[in-house]
Amino acid sequence: MNLKGITSLKVVGELPLAIPTSIALETFFLKDKSQQDKTKAYHDISYYKTAYINVWTLIRNILSAIGGNDIRYDNSLTPILTEMLAEEIRIILGLFKELAPNTSPFFFTSTYSQVLTDNKLVGRLRVTTSEKQKAINKITLQVIKDVVNQFTILQTNDLVPVNNRMTGIMLSHIAYDLLAYSNFQDLHLLESHTGVIKRRHEWNTKYVKIPKEDMSRLPFNKTLLMNFGDSILIKPIAIKDRKAIIQLGKSRKWQPLMSEQKVITDMKIHLGKIT
């Protein structure tokens, strides 16, 4: 199937973007009230001086928008997906230029090699097993290589490099990316599919959930992410150990915005170890 054929299958939103990305950015850029969803909150983007957009997330959203159709996940898809991604980046840049000139957009990509080679996480990294997902991962890596030659894209092997402490909004499906929050004056997460904006005290929803356990008091930081895991990069530790951390948080009256050092100190004193 050629570019025109696959593009015709892509489900878009009110903005000419893959629907998960469109719904997210409609939060800021859908100005026509007749098009707005009355059940959804819309926000003024002027609070944010910067916007950081994960290229992998854009690719994932495009694949989601064309998925379920008769798509062959092989090398023939790579140039098509590269052009679709390039067009979306051009559209997003245009939206910011026209409707949010005081917010600087940055696209970024990470290999996450810093966390993937962490000796503490041996055996706890998520590994792709299905042949389809392996093919998608291979295509995604090649598309990223191709598109970085066309646009200014921040490339890193860890957290996105931030040179100044400003307010920021981030579009990413990778919980690990949010650990860059300490480099911002204030960082919020913009979620694909819903357009919901989450402040740091709400990021604990990114941890792997434990049924019937209230995890709402847990802070979001690297120590707890390494223990509770997420849906993309890191497997959680044993459930009994995670429950012990939750109980510790209750007894020590943890709050979502408390410091990571307080978490580390409590875990060392009362549990005798940290991951």
Foldseek 3Di string as FASTA:
>chain_A
DDLVVLLVQFDPDPQSARPLVRQQCCLAQVPPPVRDDPVAHHDHCQQFQEEEEELLLSLVSRCVRSPPDPDDLAPNCQVSSLVNSLVVVVSVVVSCVVPPVRYYYAYEYALLVVVVPPPVQVVWWDDDDDPSVVSVVVSSVSSVVVNVVVDPHQYYHAEGDDDAAEEYEYEDPDLRNCQCQVRYVFYWYQYGPNSDIHGQLPSQVQFDDDPPADPSFDADHDQVCQARPGDHTGHHDDPVVVVVLSVLCVVVVHGHPDDPVVSVVSCCVPVVDTD
